[in-house]
Amino acid sequence: MAPQRFHEQFEHIQRSMPDVSLAMGPDDGAAHFLYEKGVVLARDGEEARVVEDAVRAHFTTTDGLDPDHVRRDGPETNRTGVTRIRTGDPSAGEDTVPHALGALREAEDRRGSRLVSRNHVVHIAVNACPGDEPVPVARTQPANPAAAEGGHDADSAVGVLVIDTGLVHDHGSYPLLAHTTGDLQAAETDADGVLRQYVGHGTFIAGILAAVAPDTDITVRGTLNDAGAILESEFGARLFEAVDQGGWPDIISLSAGTPTESGEGLLGLDAFLRELREQRTLLIAAAGNNASDTPFWPAAYAALPEYADSVLSVGALRADGDGEACFSNHGPWVRVFAPGERLTSALTGFDTPVPYIYQHSTYDACRFGFEYPCTCQYPRHTGVLSEGRESTGAKPDQVMFDGLAQWSGTSFATPVAAGLVAALMAAQGERDPRTALARLLAATTDTAEVRGAHVLALRPATWRPVPVVAPAAPAVSA
């Protein structure tokens, strides 16, 4: 990862959570994820008591640690099956979470299972890349993927739940979103009327879904804050709220996650994933944008045998479709790839154009070492967060959105894959999304080369490759 970009986005997410003290992990100095300082998670009941007692005993015998801070921080039982345990005052000196994790290491080794976890931040893209930010597109341009043939039938429509940021206020001005409902974004712009980062992310995803699969009823839940983040301890509860509110849908499209230090899944989502497994709902989740083979959860549940038919992980193909996008995570736990670079869909500004100031500056070359003209480099812009650290003297670039945008990320490959499953369900009258997924994968013969391996590539018929030509270097006078 690029430490500078990680730090830029860390500071942005921290500002969006003013009442929570965050830290970067793991503890070896190589930042890969964010978590809450002074809090660990444990399973309800006996395991939570074991964790609390072990941490208190360790803190009692260790200089510099205060056992009086160790306590339950919330109800002893809840539907998510996890308990927050406070391990220290996050505002006072050294973070106590690593010490708490160490206190349980021997007990975990004896039991052969995990007892305690950090409280991770689940996010859209913490290792921010310039491709994580949208680019204006003229309203005369078609969507990409373009709208598939067919209409909407209320009796046969496939139900898709998008867990993301909320809908923008003018989403109804985009015809493809005529059958999209859900939560409106609470605050779209700052005090100066400038669009906040990741506002419109959920709307953009819904637009892709509706284009690929017109016969869908899409519900967007604004589960993530306007920095695209939420604490793991809250995320499970919010997922349960979403399915309780509208019932278990056919498909859940989720474009957020996190790596973990242990490489294991998220303790705070275990209960939700177990219940999802018992339903017929299919979770389709983004593989993440770290250009890494480190598992990104919850997408990586797709590699576990018990979730093989209920979770699909999706990586991103580059704009021309010839291979993976430079930013896409990869590895055996990523089951399919779909177009995810320079897609076009709805953002905002349909009623009144809205300004946006870029947060992250582009690079002179691909940050991940790829040689094609990727979103790390083009279109060129200077970002306010990058400039705050680099102080090059360049002025951050501002653009205006009047409806459509071009955007990149595994966030957007995910609704492409979800749309293809939904489209197959509608076309074949199949009511089981897991059966539809199995048929789709069995019928897919397209592949893409990703890090030397040939992987399944889901390319909608209405998707168009986007050639990207690097701008010519300016001529130099003799």
Protein backbone atom coordinates (compact mmCIF):
# COMPACT_ATOMS: atom_id res chain seq x y z
CA MET A 1 0.00 0.00 0.00
CA ALA A 2 0.97 3.64 -0.33
CA PRO A 3 1.36 4.94 3.26
CA GLN A 4 0.71 8.54 2.24
CA ARG A 5 -2.68 7.77 0.72
CA PHE A 6 -3.56 5.59 3.69
CA HIS A 7 -2.79 8.44 6.07
CA GLU A 8 -4.76 10.91 3.95
CA GLN A 9 -7.89 8.79 4.06
CA PHE A 10 -7.39 7.84 7.72
CA GLU A 11 -7.53 11.50 8.66
CA HIS A 12 -10.63 11.99 6.53
CA ILE A 13 -12.45 9.04 8.12
CA GLN A 14 -11.39 10.15 11.61
CA ARG A 15 -12.97 13.56 10.99
CA SER A 16 -16.19 11.80 9.99
CA MET A 17 -16.22 9.97 13.35
CA PRO A 18 -15.42 12.74 15.84
CA ASP A 19 -16.59 10.74 18.87
CA VAL A 20 -14.44 7.68 18.07
CA SER A 21 -10.66 7.47 18.42
CA LEU A 22 -9.22 5.49 15.51
CA ALA A 23 -5.84 3.87 14.96
CA MET A 24 -4.03 2.26 12.04
CA GLY A 25 -3.00 -1.37 12.14
CA PRO A 26 -1.39 -3.80 12.32
CA ASP A 27 1.18 -2.96 14.95
CA ASP A 28 4.29 -3.56 12.84
CA GLY A 29 4.08 -0.15 11.21
CA ALA A 30 2.73 -1.44 7.87
CA ALA A 31 -0.74 0.12 7.86
CA HIS A 32 -3.44 -2.03 6.29
CA PHE A 33 -6.64 -1.35 8.23
CA LEU A 34 -8.30 1.01 10.71
CA TYR A 35 -9.78 0.14 14.07
CA GLU A 36 -11.20 1.73 17.22
CA LYS A 37 -8.68 2.48 19.96
CA GLY A 38 -9.34 1.18 23.48
CA VAL A 39 -12.02 -1.38 22.48
CA VAL A 40 -11.99 -5.06 21.56
CA LEU A 41 -14.83 -7.35 20.48
CA ALA A 42 -15.73 -10.74 21.91
CA ARG A 43 -18.62 -13.13 21.42
CA ASP A 44 -21.49 -12.74 23.87
CA GLY A 45 -21.78 -14.91 26.94
CA GLU A 46 -19.00 -17.09 28.33
CA GLU A 47 -16.39 -15.99 25.79
CA ALA A 48 -16.92 -12.32 26.65
CA ARG A 49 -16.42 -13.14 30.34
CA VAL A 50 -13.23 -15.07 29.55
CA VAL A 51 -11.90 -12.13 27.52
CA GLU A 52 -12.79 -9.53 30.12
CA ASP A 53 -11.23 -11.54 32.97
CA ALA A 54 -8.07 -12.37 31.02
CA VAL A 55 -7.49 -8.76 29.94
CA ARG A 56 -8.08 -7.45 33.47
CA ALA A 57 -5.68 -10.03 34.95
CA HIS A 58 -3.00 -9.18 32.38
CA PHE A 59 -3.39 -5.46 32.95
CA THR A 60 -3.17 -5.99 36.73
CA THR A 61 0.28 -7.57 36.45
CA THR A 62 1.68 -5.34 33.70
CA ASP A 63 3.27 -1.98 34.47
CA GLY A 64 1.68 0.98 32.73
CA LEU A 65 -1.72 -0.67 32.16
CA ASP A 66 -4.80 0.14 34.23
CA PRO A 67 -7.14 -2.78 35.00
CA ASP A 68 -9.81 -0.35 36.22
CA HIS A 69 -10.47 0.66 32.63
CA VAL A 70 -11.41 -2.90 31.60
CA ARG A 71 -15.19 -3.26 31.43
CA ARG A 72 -18.13 -4.15 29.23
CA ASP A 73 -19.07 -1.25 27.00
CA GLY A 74 -22.65 -2.00 26.00
CA PRO A 75 -25.27 -4.73 26.47
CA GLU A 76 -24.07 -8.24 27.38
CA THR A 77 -26.13 -9.83 24.62
CA ASN A 78 -27.53 -8.60 21.34
CA ARG A 79 -28.49 -9.98 17.96
CA THR A 80 -25.03 -9.45 16.47
CA GLY A 81 -23.59 -11.86 19.05
CA VAL A 82 -20.68 -9.61 20.02
CA THR A 83 -19.85 -7.55 23.09
CA ARG A 84 -17.70 -4.42 23.16
CA ILE A 85 -15.09 -4.54 25.91
CA ARG A 86 -13.36 -1.32 26.88
CA THR A 87 -9.63 -1.81 27.48
CA GLY A 88 -8.47 1.71 28.17
CA ASP A 89 -8.95 5.43 27.74
CA PRO A 90 -8.26 6.07 24.03
CA SER A 91 -7.26 9.66 24.74
CA ALA A 92 -4.60 8.72 27.28
CA GLY A 93 -1.29 7.66 25.80
CA GLU A 94 -0.56 4.28 24.27
CA ASP A 95 -3.35 2.26 22.67
CA THR A 96 -4.23 -0.71 24.87
CA VAL A 97 -5.78 -2.90 22.17
CA PRO A 98 -2.52 -4.70 21.23
CA HIS A 99 -1.98 -5.54 24.90
CA ALA A 100 -5.52 -6.90 25.18
CA LEU A 101 -5.05 -9.07 22.10
CA GLY A 102 -1.77 -10.39 23.53
CA ALA A 103 -3.47 -11.29 26.79
CA LEU A 104 -5.66 -13.82 24.94
CA ARG A 105 -3.06 -15.30 22.62
CA GLU A 106 -2.25 -18.35 24.75
CA ALA A 107 -5.91 -19.06 25.48
CA GLU A 108 -6.70 -18.85 21.75
CA ASP A 109 -3.85 -21.22 20.94
CA ARG A 110 -5.15 -23.74 23.49
CA ARG A 111 -8.72 -23.54 22.18
CA GLY A 112 -7.72 -23.45 18.54
CA SER A 113 -10.16 -20.60 17.88
CA ARG A 114 -10.30 -16.83 18.08
CA LEU A 115 -11.68 -15.25 21.25
CA VAL A 116 -11.07 -11.54 20.67
CA SER A 117 -10.84 -9.09 17.80
CA ARG A 118 -10.18 -5.46 17.07
CA ASN A 119 -13.20 -3.31 16.27
CA HIS A 120 -12.35 -2.67 12.61
CA VAL A 121 -13.57 0.18 10.48
CA VAL A 122 -15.49 -1.18 7.48
CA HIS A 123 -15.06 1.23 4.59
CA ILE A 124 -15.39 1.84 0.87
CA ALA A 125 -11.71 2.59 0.21
CA VAL A 126 -9.30 3.54 2.94
CA ASN A 127 -6.18 3.09 0.79
CA ALA A 128 -7.37 5.91 -1.41
CA CYS A 129 -6.49 5.96 -5.10
CA PRO A 130 -7.33 8.80 -7.51
CA GLY A 131 -9.61 6.29 -9.24
CA ASP A 132 -11.77 6.31 -6.09
CA GLU A 133 -13.06 9.76 -7.07
CA PRO A 134 -15.61 10.48 -9.81
CA VAL A 135 -15.02 12.36 -13.04
CA PRO A 136 -17.77 14.45 -14.72
CA VAL A 137 -19.39 13.06 -17.87
CA ALA A 138 -21.63 15.01 -20.24
CA ARG A 139 -25.32 14.16 -19.87
CA THR A 140 -25.43 13.44 -23.58
CA GLN A 141 -23.21 10.41 -23.04
CA PRO A 142 -24.84 6.99 -22.54
CA ALA A 143 -24.42 4.97 -19.39
CA ASN A 144 -21.74 2.28 -19.41
CA PRO A 145 -22.92 -0.42 -19.08
CA ALA A 146 -25.81 0.90 -21.16
CA ALA A 147 -29.39 0.02 -20.31
CA ALA A 148 -30.21 -3.56 -21.25
CA GLU A 149 -33.34 -4.39 -23.20
CA GLY A 150 -36.50 -5.19 -21.32
CA GLY A 151 -38.71 -3.41 -18.88
CA HIS A 152 -39.83 -3.54 -15.29
CA ASP A 153 -42.55 -5.92 -14.14
CA ALA A 154 -43.63 -5.46 -10.54
CA ASP A 155 -44.73 -9.10 -10.35
CA SER A 156 -41.39 -10.55 -11.45
CA ALA A 157 -38.90 -7.89 -10.37
CA VAL A 158 -35.85 -9.15 -8.49
CA GLY A 159 -35.28 -7.51 -5.12
CA VAL A 160 -31.80 -6.04 -4.64
CA LEU A 161 -30.63 -4.35 -1.44
CA VAL A 162 -27.68 -1.95 -1.79
CA ILE A 163 -25.79 -1.34 1.47
CA ASP A 164 -23.84 1.88 0.95
CA THR A 165 -24.20 5.64 1.22
CA GLY A 166 -27.74 6.96 0.74
CA LEU A 167 -29.49 8.19 -2.38
CA VAL A 168 -28.91 11.76 -3.54
CA HIS A 169 -31.94 14.04 -3.50
CA ASP A 170 -32.26 14.23 -7.30
CA HIS A 171 -31.83 10.53 -8.10
CA GLY A 172 -35.39 10.48 -9.44
CA SER A 173 -34.25 12.63 -12.36
CA TYR A 174 -32.32 9.66 -13.74
CA PRO A 175 -34.83 7.49 -15.67
CA LEU A 176 -33.08 4.21 -14.88
CA LEU A 177 -33.68 4.79 -11.17
CA ALA A 178 -37.47 4.93 -11.51
CA HIS A 179 -37.80 1.76 -9.42
CA THR A 180 -35.17 2.63 -6.83
CA THR A 181 -36.13 3.64 -3.29
CA GLY A 182 -34.42 3.90 0.07
CA ASP A 183 -32.64 6.30 2.40
CA LEU A 184 -31.74 9.79 1.28
CA GLN A 185 -28.23 11.04 2.00
CA ALA A 186 -28.37 13.16 5.15
CA ALA A 187 -25.84 15.79 4.10
CA GLU A 188 -24.72 15.94 0.48
CA THR A 189 -22.58 19.09 0.57
CA ASP A 190 -20.43 20.97 3.05
CA ALA A 191 -21.05 24.48 4.33
CA ASP A 192 -19.67 25.89 1.06
CA GLY A 193 -22.01 23.82 -1.10
CA VAL A 194 -19.24 21.45 -2.23
CA LEU A 195 -20.11 17.78 -2.68
CA ARG A 196 -18.74 15.56 0.09
CA GLN A 197 -16.47 12.63 -0.74
CA TYR A 198 -18.41 9.41 -1.49
CA VAL A 199 -21.78 11.17 -1.61
CA GLY A 200 -23.50 9.62 -4.62
CA HIS A 201 -21.62 6.33 -4.28
CA GLY A 202 -24.79 4.38 -3.49
CA THR A 203 -26.71 6.20 -6.24
CA PHE A 204 -24.00 5.37 -8.79
CA ILE A 205 -24.17 1.69 -7.80
CA ALA A 206 -27.97 1.64 -8.10
CA GLY A 207 -27.69 3.15 -11.58
CA ILE A 208 -25.34 0.37 -12.71
CA LEU A 209 -27.64 -2.29 -11.29
CA ALA A 210 -30.69 -0.82 -13.02
CA ALA A 211 -28.83 -0.60 -16.33
CA VAL A 212 -27.68 -4.21 -16.28
CA ALA A 213 -30.95 -5.58 -14.87
CA PRO A 214 -34.00 -3.36 -15.62
CA ASP A 215 -36.43 -5.80 -13.98
CA THR A 216 -35.28 -5.06 -10.44
CA ASP A 217 -36.67 -3.33 -7.40
CA ILE A 218 -33.63 -1.67 -5.83
CA THR A 219 -33.50 -0.44 -2.24
CA VAL A 220 -30.53 1.66 -1.12
CA ARG A 221 -29.77 1.86 2.58
CA GLY A 222 -27.51 4.66 3.81
CA THR A 223 -25.59 2.44 6.21
CA LEU A 224 -22.18 4.07 5.65
CA ASN A 225 -21.37 7.63 6.64
CA ASP A 226 -20.42 10.26 4.08
CA ALA A 227 -16.78 9.13 4.29
CA GLY A 228 -17.98 5.65 3.34
CA ALA A 229 -17.21 4.08 6.72
CA ILE A 230 -18.77 2.39 9.77
CA LEU A 231 -17.46 0.53 12.84
CA GLU A 232 -17.60 -3.25 12.69
CA SER A 233 -19.49 -3.34 16.02
CA GLU A 234 -22.26 -1.22 14.47
CA PHE A 235 -22.25 -2.75 11.00
CA GLY A 236 -23.78 -6.10 11.93
CA ALA A 237 -26.67 -4.40 13.70
CA ARG A 238 -27.27 -2.07 10.76
CA LEU A 239 -27.34 -5.02 8.35
CA PHE A 240 -29.94 -6.74 10.50
CA GLU A 241 -31.96 -3.50 10.57
CA ALA A 242 -31.85 -3.32 6.78
CA VAL A 243 -33.22 -6.84 6.25
CA ASP A 244 -35.76 -6.43 9.07
CA GLN A 245 -37.06 -3.27 7.43
CA GLY A 246 -37.72 -4.75 4.02
CA GLY A 247 -37.31 -8.49 4.47
CA TRP A 248 -34.46 -10.61 3.18
CA PRO A 249 -33.93 -9.59 -0.47
CA ASP A 250 -32.91 -11.81 -3.35
CA ILE A 251 -29.51 -10.12 -3.58
CA ILE A 252 -27.43 -7.85 -1.34
CA SER A 253 -24.86 -5.68 -3.13
CA LEU A 254 -22.13 -4.54 -0.72
CA SER A 255 -19.18 -2.38 -1.76
CA ALA A 256 -17.28 -2.03 1.51
CA GLY A 257 -15.06 -4.14 3.74
CA THR A 258 -11.67 -4.37 5.41
CA PRO A 259 -8.61 -6.59 5.74
CA THR A 260 -7.90 -8.06 9.17
CA GLU A 261 -4.65 -8.75 10.98
CA SER A 262 -5.37 -12.45 11.45
CA GLY A 263 -6.67 -13.04 7.93
CA GLU A 264 -9.89 -14.31 9.49
CA GLY A 265 -13.37 -12.88 9.03
CA LEU A 266 -15.13 -10.15 10.99
CA LEU A 267 -16.37 -11.17 14.42
CA GLY A 268 -19.00 -8.43 14.26
CA LEU A 269 -20.54 -9.93 11.09
CA ASP A 270 -20.46 -13.62 12.06
CA ALA A 271 -24.07 -13.69 13.27
CA PHE A 272 -25.38 -11.87 10.21
CA LEU A 273 -23.46 -14.12 7.82
CA ARG A 274 -24.71 -17.25 9.60
CA GLU A 275 -28.30 -16.05 9.32
CA LEU A 276 -27.80 -15.06 5.68
CA ARG A 277 -26.55 -18.59 4.97
CA GLU A 278 -29.87 -19.97 6.21
CA GLN A 279 -31.85 -17.67 3.92
CA ARG A 280 -31.86 -17.83 0.12
CA THR A 281 -30.30 -14.35 -0.17
CA LEU A 282 -27.07 -14.01 -2.14
CA LEU A 283 -24.42 -11.56 -0.89
CA ILE A 284 -22.28 -10.06 -3.67
CA ALA A 285 -19.37 -8.11 -2.21
CA ALA A 286 -16.49 -5.98 -3.49
CA ALA A 287 -12.99 -7.44 -3.29
CA GLY A 288 -11.43 -4.07 -2.39
CA ASN A 289 -9.02 -1.62 -3.99
CA ASN A 290 -5.67 -2.31 -2.34
CA ALA A 291 -4.01 -4.18 -5.27
CA SER A 292 -3.40 -6.93 -2.73
CA ASP A 293 -4.03 -10.64 -2.32
CA THR A 294 -4.81 -10.13 1.38
CA PRO A 295 -8.41 -11.24 2.05
CA PHE A 296 -10.87 -8.36 2.24
CA TRP A 297 -13.91 -9.12 4.40
CA PRO A 298 -16.80 -9.83 3.99
CA ALA A 299 -16.02 -10.55 0.30
CA ALA A 300 -13.47 -13.19 1.34
CA TYR A 301 -16.20 -15.30 2.97
CA ALA A 302 -16.77 -16.50 -0.62
CA ALA A 303 -13.64 -18.67 -0.29
CA LEU A 304 -14.96 -20.51 2.78
CA PRO A 305 -16.72 -23.77 1.86
CA GLU A 306 -19.73 -23.06 4.08
CA TYR A 307 -20.36 -19.78 2.22
CA ALA A 308 -19.43 -20.83 -1.32
CA ASP A 309 -23.03 -20.69 -2.58
CA SER A 310 -24.17 -17.65 -0.57
CA VAL A 311 -21.31 -15.12 -1.04
CA LEU A 312 -19.69 -13.96 -4.29
CA SER A 313 -16.50 -11.85 -4.26
CA VAL A 314 -15.92 -9.51 -7.21
CA GLY A 315 -12.70 -7.94 -8.50
CA ALA A 316 -12.46 -5.22 -11.14
CA LEU A 317 -11.39 -5.45 -14.78
CA ARG A 318 -9.59 -2.49 -16.29
CA ALA A 319 -11.31 -0.13 -18.72
CA ASP A 320 -10.42 -2.10 -21.86
CA GLY A 321 -11.39 -5.40 -20.21
CA ASP A 322 -8.08 -7.08 -21.01
CA GLY A 323 -7.00 -7.75 -17.43
CA GLU A 324 -7.46 -6.61 -13.86
CA ALA A 325 -7.62 -2.94 -12.97
CA CYS A 326 -4.41 -1.85 -11.30
CA PHE A 327 -6.13 -1.21 -7.97
CA SER A 328 -8.17 -4.42 -7.75
CA ASN A 329 -7.51 -6.94 -5.03
CA HIS A 330 -6.86 -10.42 -6.33
CA GLY A 331 -6.09 -13.96 -5.23
CA PRO A 332 -7.89 -17.31 -4.99
CA TRP A 333 -10.53 -15.81 -2.69
CA VAL A 334 -11.72 -13.45 -5.51
CA ARG A 335 -14.12 -15.63 -7.48
CA VAL A 336 -14.98 -13.44 -10.48
CA PHE A 337 -13.94 -10.19 -12.13
CA ALA A 338 -16.24 -7.68 -13.86
CA PRO A 339 -15.76 -4.28 -15.51
CA GLY A 340 -14.92 -1.78 -12.77
CA GLU A 341 -12.79 0.97 -14.29
CA ARG A 342 -14.22 4.13 -15.90
CA LEU A 343 -17.87 3.05 -15.73
CA THR A 344 -20.58 5.68 -16.32
CA SER A 345 -23.69 6.06 -14.17
CA ALA A 346 -25.75 8.59 -12.21
CA LEU A 347 -24.15 10.79 -9.54
CA THR A 348 -25.92 14.08 -8.81
CA GLY A 349 -26.44 17.60 -10.14
CA PHE A 350 -29.39 16.75 -12.40
CA ASP A 351 -31.43 19.66 -11.03
CA THR A 352 -28.60 22.09 -10.25
CA PRO A 353 -24.92 21.47 -11.04
CA VAL A 354 -22.87 20.85 -7.89
CA PRO A 355 -19.12 21.46 -7.40
CA TYR A 356 -16.65 18.86 -6.17
CA ILE A 357 -13.04 19.40 -5.05
CA TYR A 358 -10.70 16.47 -5.57
CA GLN A 359 -9.26 14.98 -2.39
CA HIS A 360 -6.33 12.94 -3.76
CA SER A 361 -3.77 13.93 -6.39
CA THR A 362 -2.94 11.77 -9.38
CA TYR A 363 0.47 10.14 -9.75
CA ASP A 364 3.10 10.55 -12.46
CA ALA A 365 3.06 6.75 -12.90
CA CYS A 366 0.84 3.92 -11.72
CA ARG A 367 1.29 3.54 -7.97
CA PHE A 368 0.98 -0.25 -8.36
CA GLY A 369 3.51 -0.58 -11.18
CA PHE A 370 1.11 -1.20 -14.09
CA GLU A 371 2.05 0.21 -17.48
CA TYR A 372 -1.36 0.99 -18.99
CA PRO A 373 -2.86 4.53 -18.61
CA CYS A 374 -4.75 3.83 -15.39
CA THR A 375 -6.81 5.97 -13.04
CA CYS A 376 -3.77 6.53 -10.83
CA GLN A 377 -2.58 8.90 -13.56
CA TYR A 378 -5.50 10.15 -15.66
CA PRO A 379 -7.31 12.46 -15.77
CA ARG A 380 -4.74 14.63 -14.02
CA HIS A 381 -5.82 16.53 -10.92
CA THR A 382 -4.53 17.88 -7.62
CA GLY A 383 -6.31 16.87 -4.42
CA VAL A 384 -6.76 18.89 -1.26
CA LEU A 385 -5.76 16.08 1.14
CA SER A 386 -2.66 15.22 -0.89
CA GLU A 387 -1.66 18.86 -1.20
CA GLY A 388 -2.03 19.27 2.56
CA ARG A 389 0.73 16.68 2.99
CA GLU A 390 2.91 17.38 -0.04
CA SER A 391 2.69 21.20 -0.17
CA THR A 392 3.63 21.46 -3.83
CA GLY A 393 1.92 24.83 -4.17
CA ALA A 394 -0.63 23.46 -6.65
CA LYS A 395 -4.24 24.47 -6.27
CA PRO A 396 -6.72 21.60 -5.71
CA ASP A 397 -8.88 21.04 -8.78
CA GLN A 398 -12.62 21.68 -8.72
CA VAL A 399 -15.12 20.21 -11.19
CA MET A 400 -18.89 20.49 -11.67
CA PHE A 401 -21.29 17.55 -11.80
CA ASP A 402 -24.56 17.95 -13.68
CA GLY A 403 -25.85 14.38 -13.47
CA LEU A 404 -23.51 11.68 -14.77
CA ALA A 405 -20.04 10.60 -13.72
CA GLN A 406 -17.34 8.15 -14.64
CA TRP A 407 -16.03 6.22 -11.63
CA SER A 408 -13.72 3.30 -10.90
CA GLY A 409 -13.41 0.65 -8.21
CA THR A 410 -14.38 -2.87 -7.23
CA SER A 411 -17.33 -1.01 -5.69
CA PHE A 412 -18.78 -0.76 -9.20
CA ALA A 413 -17.73 -4.15 -10.53
CA THR A 414 -19.91 -5.54 -7.74
CA PRO A 415 -23.27 -4.18 -9.02
CA VAL A 416 -22.31 -5.33 -12.53
CA ALA A 417 -22.07 -8.89 -11.21
CA ALA A 418 -25.20 -8.46 -9.09
CA GLY A 419 -27.07 -7.12 -12.11
CA LEU A 420 -26.08 -10.11 -14.23
CA VAL A 421 -27.41 -12.53 -11.60
CA ALA A 422 -30.63 -10.52 -11.31
CA ALA A 423 -31.01 -10.34 -15.10
CA LEU A 424 -30.68 -14.11 -15.38
CA MET A 425 -33.28 -14.57 -12.63
CA ALA A 426 -35.74 -12.31 -14.47
CA ALA A 427 -35.10 -13.88 -17.88
CA GLN A 428 -35.44 -17.47 -16.70
CA GLY A 429 -38.10 -16.96 -14.05
CA GLU A 430 -35.67 -18.29 -11.43
CA ARG A 431 -36.56 -17.25 -7.90
CA ASP A 432 -33.46 -18.63 -6.18
CA PRO A 433 -30.49 -16.25 -6.62
CA ARG A 434 -27.98 -18.92 -5.62
CA THR A 435 -29.23 -21.23 -8.34
CA ALA A 436 -29.08 -18.32 -10.78
CA LEU A 437 -25.47 -17.60 -9.77
CA ALA A 438 -24.50 -21.23 -10.30
CA ARG A 439 -26.07 -21.16 -13.78
CA LEU A 440 -24.37 -17.87 -14.63
CA LEU A 441 -20.94 -19.13 -13.63
CA ALA A 442 -21.44 -22.44 -15.41
CA ALA A 443 -22.43 -20.64 -18.63
CA THR A 444 -19.60 -18.08 -18.48
CA THR A 445 -16.73 -18.91 -20.81
CA ASP A 446 -15.07 -15.49 -20.83
CA THR A 447 -11.89 -15.20 -18.80
CA ALA A 448 -9.32 -12.55 -18.02
CA GLU A 449 -5.69 -12.92 -17.07
CA VAL A 450 -5.08 -11.72 -13.52
CA ARG A 451 -1.55 -12.03 -12.11
CA GLY A 452 -0.85 -14.95 -14.43
CA ALA A 453 -4.08 -16.82 -13.65
CA HIS A 454 -7.13 -17.09 -15.89
CA VAL A 455 -10.25 -16.09 -13.94
CA LEU A 456 -13.93 -15.87 -14.82
CA ALA A 457 -14.85 -12.51 -16.33
CA LEU A 458 -18.46 -11.31 -16.23
CA ARG A 459 -18.85 -8.78 -19.06
CA PRO A 460 -22.41 -7.51 -19.70
CA ALA A 461 -23.46 -7.36 -23.35
CA THR A 462 -24.13 -3.62 -22.99
CA TRP A 463 -20.72 -2.80 -21.51
CA ARG A 464 -18.32 -0.99 -23.83
CA PRO A 465 -14.53 -1.07 -23.42
CA VAL A 466 -13.17 2.41 -22.75
CA PRO A 467 -9.89 3.11 -24.52
CA VAL A 468 -7.65 5.40 -22.54
CA VAL A 469 -4.89 7.20 -24.36
CA ALA A 470 -2.24 8.92 -22.29
CA PRO A 471 -1.95 12.62 -23.18
CA ALA A 472 1.05 13.36 -25.35
CA ALA A 473 3.94 15.10 -23.65
CA PRO A 474 4.10 18.80 -24.52
CA ALA A 475 6.52 19.70 -27.28
CA VAL A 476 9.77 21.26 -26.12
CA SER A 477 11.21 24.11 -28.20
CA ALA A 478 14.73 23.76 -29.40
